[in-house]
Amino acid sequence: MAVKKYTKADIIDALYEKTGMGRKEIRSTVDLLIEEIRDALMRRQVIELRGLGTFEVKVRKARQHARNPRTGEAITIRSHGAATFRAGRDLKQAVWNITDDSKPARKR
């Protein structure tokens, strides 16, 4: 069974129910958070969110001998940035016991 995606709209709805703030205010706050993370990554800053993890940009080296998997054509790839995320200890521990056959944990 495929897992349903949890979207930005779902997050906004959950925050609305937990806080009672207006949806428009929550949406603009979430959008500002995402924009700030994106802008910081563009400035090559590392974003550390305790309890969640770390976002950063890693530069991938240029490659002269790559292949287009669809056509098999030889191509050159220039060096480029790639956004990465490393889960923090708390997140790793929280999801450690999740398996294919386990049910979602209930909140106590």
C-alpha atoms as a PDB file:
ATOM      1  CA  MET A   1       0.000   0.000   0.000  1.00  0.00           C
ATOM      2  CA  ALA A   2       1.388   3.388  -1.003  1.00  0.00           C
ATOM      3  CA  VAL A   3       1.826   6.001   1.691  1.00  0.00           C
ATOM      4  CA  LYS A   4      -0.222   9.187   1.214  1.00  0.00           C
ATOM      5  CA  LYS A   5       1.907  12.278   0.773  1.00  0.00           C
ATOM      6  CA  TYR A   6       1.748  14.880   3.524  1.00  0.00           C
ATOM      7  CA  THR A   7       1.656  18.216   1.710  1.00  0.00           C
ATOM      8  CA  LYS A   8       2.149  21.834   2.674  1.00  0.00           C
ATOM      9  CA  ALA A   9      -1.657  22.189   2.712  1.00  0.00           C
ATOM     10  CA  ASP A  10      -1.858  19.293   5.206  1.00  0.00           C
ATOM     11  CA  ILE A  11       0.701  21.009   7.436  1.00  0.00           C
ATOM     12  CA  ILE A  12      -1.266  24.264   7.280  1.00  0.00           C
ATOM     13  CA  ASP A  13      -4.485  22.438   8.202  1.00  0.00           C
ATOM     14  CA  ALA A  14      -2.788  20.673  11.132  1.00  0.00           C
ATOM     15  CA  LEU A  15      -1.335  23.954  12.446  1.00  0.00           C
ATOM     16  CA  TYR A  16      -4.743  25.605  12.061  1.00  0.00           C
ATOM     17  CA  GLU A  17      -6.368  22.917  14.203  1.00  0.00           C
ATOM     18  CA  LYS A  18      -3.607  22.984  16.834  1.00  0.00           C
ATOM     19  CA  THR A  19      -3.224  26.758  17.155  1.00  0.00           C
ATOM     20  CA  GLY A  20      -6.490  28.325  16.053  1.00  0.00           C
ATOM     21  CA  MET A  21      -4.541  30.930  14.053  1.00  0.00           C
ATOM     22  CA  GLY A  22      -5.962  31.968  10.698  1.00  0.00           C
ATOM     23  CA  ARG A  23      -5.141  29.797   7.688  1.00  0.00           C
ATOM     24  CA  LYS A  24      -3.879  32.807   5.697  1.00  0.00           C
ATOM     25  CA  GLU A  25      -1.506  33.770   8.509  1.00  0.00           C
ATOM     26  CA  ILE A  26      -0.245  30.199   8.839  1.00  0.00           C
ATOM     27  CA  ARG A  27       0.192  29.875   5.052  1.00  0.00           C
ATOM     28  CA  SER A  28       2.222  33.092   4.874  1.00  0.00           C
ATOM     29  CA  THR A  29       4.363  31.993   7.841  1.00  0.00           C
ATOM     30  CA  VAL A  30       5.053  28.580   6.290  1.00  0.00           C
ATOM     31  CA  ASP A  31       5.840  30.255   2.938  1.00  0.00           C
ATOM     32  CA  LEU A  32       8.231  32.673   4.677  1.00  0.00           C
ATOM     33  CA  LEU A  33       9.969  29.777   6.443  1.00  0.00           C
ATOM     34  CA  ILE A  34      10.451  27.911   3.163  1.00  0.00           C
ATOM     35  CA  GLU A  35      11.658  31.080   1.432  1.00  0.00           C
ATOM     36  CA  GLU A  36      14.142  31.783   4.233  1.00  0.00           C
ATOM     37  CA  ILE A  37      15.540  28.235   4.050  1.00  0.00           C
ATOM     38  CA  ARG A  38      15.869  28.528   0.249  1.00  0.00           C
ATOM     39  CA  ASP A  39      17.568  31.942   0.495  1.00  0.00           C
ATOM     40  CA  ALA A  40      20.012  30.725   3.139  1.00  0.00           C
ATOM     41  CA  LEU A  41      20.928  27.730   0.971  1.00  0.00           C
ATOM     42  CA  MET A  42      21.486  30.073  -1.984  1.00  0.00           C
ATOM     43  CA  ARG A  43      23.942  31.996   0.246  1.00  0.00           C
ATOM     44  CA  ARG A  44      25.671  28.617   0.933  1.00  0.00           C
ATOM     45  CA  GLN A  45      24.709  28.731   4.605  1.00  0.00           C
ATOM     46  CA  VAL A  46      24.057  25.565   6.599  1.00  0.00           C
ATOM     47  CA  ILE A  47      20.637  25.454   8.270  1.00  0.00           C
ATOM     48  CA  GLU A  48      20.500  23.444  11.481  1.00  0.00           C
ATOM     49  CA  LEU A  49      17.073  22.773  12.950  1.00  0.00           C
ATOM     50  CA  ARG A  50      17.546  21.028  16.297  1.00  0.00           C
ATOM     51  CA  GLY A  51      15.363  17.966  16.629  1.00  0.00           C
ATOM     52  CA  LEU A  52      14.941  17.713  12.846  1.00  0.00           C
ATOM     53  CA  GLY A  53      18.200  17.893  10.927  1.00  0.00           C
ATOM     54  CA  THR A  54      20.540  19.934   8.770  1.00  0.00           C
ATOM     55  CA  PHE A  55      20.047  21.391   5.288  1.00  0.00           C
ATOM     56  CA  GLU A  56      23.095  22.331   3.233  1.00  0.00           C
ATOM     57  CA  VAL A  57      24.372  22.662  -0.321  1.00  0.00           C
ATOM     58  CA  LYS A  58      27.065  20.302  -1.536  1.00  0.00           C
ATOM     59  CA  VAL A  59      28.881  21.001  -4.783  1.00  0.00           C
ATOM     60  CA  ARG A  60      29.046  18.050  -7.162  1.00  0.00           C
ATOM     61  CA  LYS A  61      32.190  17.808  -9.297  1.00  0.00           C
ATOM     62  CA  ALA A  62      32.096  18.220 -13.048  1.00  0.00           C
ATOM     63  CA  ARG A  63      32.215  14.995 -15.067  1.00  0.00           C
ATOM     64  CA  GLN A  64      33.528  14.635 -18.590  1.00  0.00           C
ATOM     65  CA  HIS A  65      32.367  11.077 -19.276  1.00  0.00           C
ATOM     66  CA  ALA A  66      28.716  10.876 -18.310  1.00  0.00           C
ATOM     67  CA  ARG A  67      25.949   9.310 -20.393  1.00  0.00           C
ATOM     68  CA  ASN A  68      22.363  10.338 -20.994  1.00  0.00           C
ATOM     69  CA  PRO A  69      20.493   7.253 -19.703  1.00  0.00           C
ATOM     70  CA  ARG A  70      17.661   7.691 -22.209  1.00  0.00           C
ATOM     71  CA  THR A  71      19.759   8.031 -25.379  1.00  0.00           C
ATOM     72  CA  GLY A  72      23.149   6.668 -24.329  1.00  0.00           C
ATOM     73  CA  GLU A  73      24.746   9.831 -25.728  1.00  0.00           C
ATOM     74  CA  ALA A  74      28.012  10.929 -24.061  1.00  0.00           C
ATOM     75  CA  ILE A  75      27.579  14.258 -22.271  1.00  0.00           C
ATOM     76  CA  THR A  76      29.625  16.588 -20.092  1.00  0.00           C
ATOM     77  CA  ILE A  77      28.204  17.671 -16.755  1.00  0.00           C
ATOM     78  CA  ARG A  78      29.524  20.861 -15.203  1.00  0.00           C
ATOM     79  CA  SER A  79      29.948  21.214 -11.449  1.00  0.00           C
ATOM     80  CA  HIS A  80      26.709  22.128  -9.711  1.00  0.00           C
ATOM     81  CA  GLY A  81      25.101  22.519  -6.317  1.00  0.00           C
ATOM     82  CA  ALA A  82      22.803  19.929  -4.781  1.00  0.00           C
ATOM     83  CA  ALA A  83      20.597  20.560  -1.742  1.00  0.00           C
ATOM     84  CA  THR A  84      21.037  17.872   0.906  1.00  0.00           C
ATOM     85  CA  PHE A  85      19.352  17.025   4.187  1.00  0.00           C
ATOM     86  CA  ARG A  86      20.859  15.038   7.055  1.00  0.00           C
ATOM     87  CA  ALA A  87      18.442  13.845   9.694  1.00  0.00           C
ATOM     88  CA  GLY A  88      19.304  14.808  13.258  1.00  0.00           C
ATOM     89  CA  ARG A  89      19.643  12.355  16.144  1.00  0.00           C
ATOM     90  CA  ASP A  90      16.118  12.989  17.489  1.00  0.00           C
ATOM     91  CA  LEU A  91      14.512  12.364  14.089  1.00  0.00           C
ATOM     92  CA  LYS A  92      16.611   9.250  13.494  1.00  0.00           C
ATOM     93  CA  GLN A  93      15.586   7.828  16.859  1.00  0.00           C
ATOM     94  CA  ALA A  94      11.918   8.700  16.307  1.00  0.00           C
ATOM     95  CA  VAL A  95      11.699   6.783  13.015  1.00  0.00           C
ATOM     96  CA  TRP A  96      14.093   3.943  13.892  1.00  0.00           C
ATOM     97  CA  ASN A  97      11.431   1.278  14.548  1.00  0.00           C
ATOM     98  CA  ILE A  98       9.295   1.997  11.490  1.00  0.00           C
ATOM     99  CA  THR A  99       9.052  -1.051   9.232  1.00  0.00           C
ATOM    100  CA  ASP A 100       7.011  -1.934   6.164  1.00  0.00           C
ATOM    101  CA  ASP A 101       4.501  -3.811   8.283  1.00  0.00           C
ATOM    102  CA  SER A 102       4.301  -1.420  11.246  1.00  0.00           C
ATOM    103  CA  LYS A 103       1.343   0.890  11.765  1.00  0.00           C
ATOM    104  CA  PRO A 104       1.819   4.625  12.364  1.00  0.00           C
ATOM    105  CA  ALA A 105       2.587   5.368  15.997  1.00  0.00           C
ATOM    106  CA  ARG A 106      -0.247   6.887  18.016  1.00  0.00           C
ATOM    107  CA  LYS A 107       0.406  10.068  19.926  1.00  0.00           C
ATOM    108  CA  ARG A 108       0.173   9.575  23.689  1.00  0.00           C
END
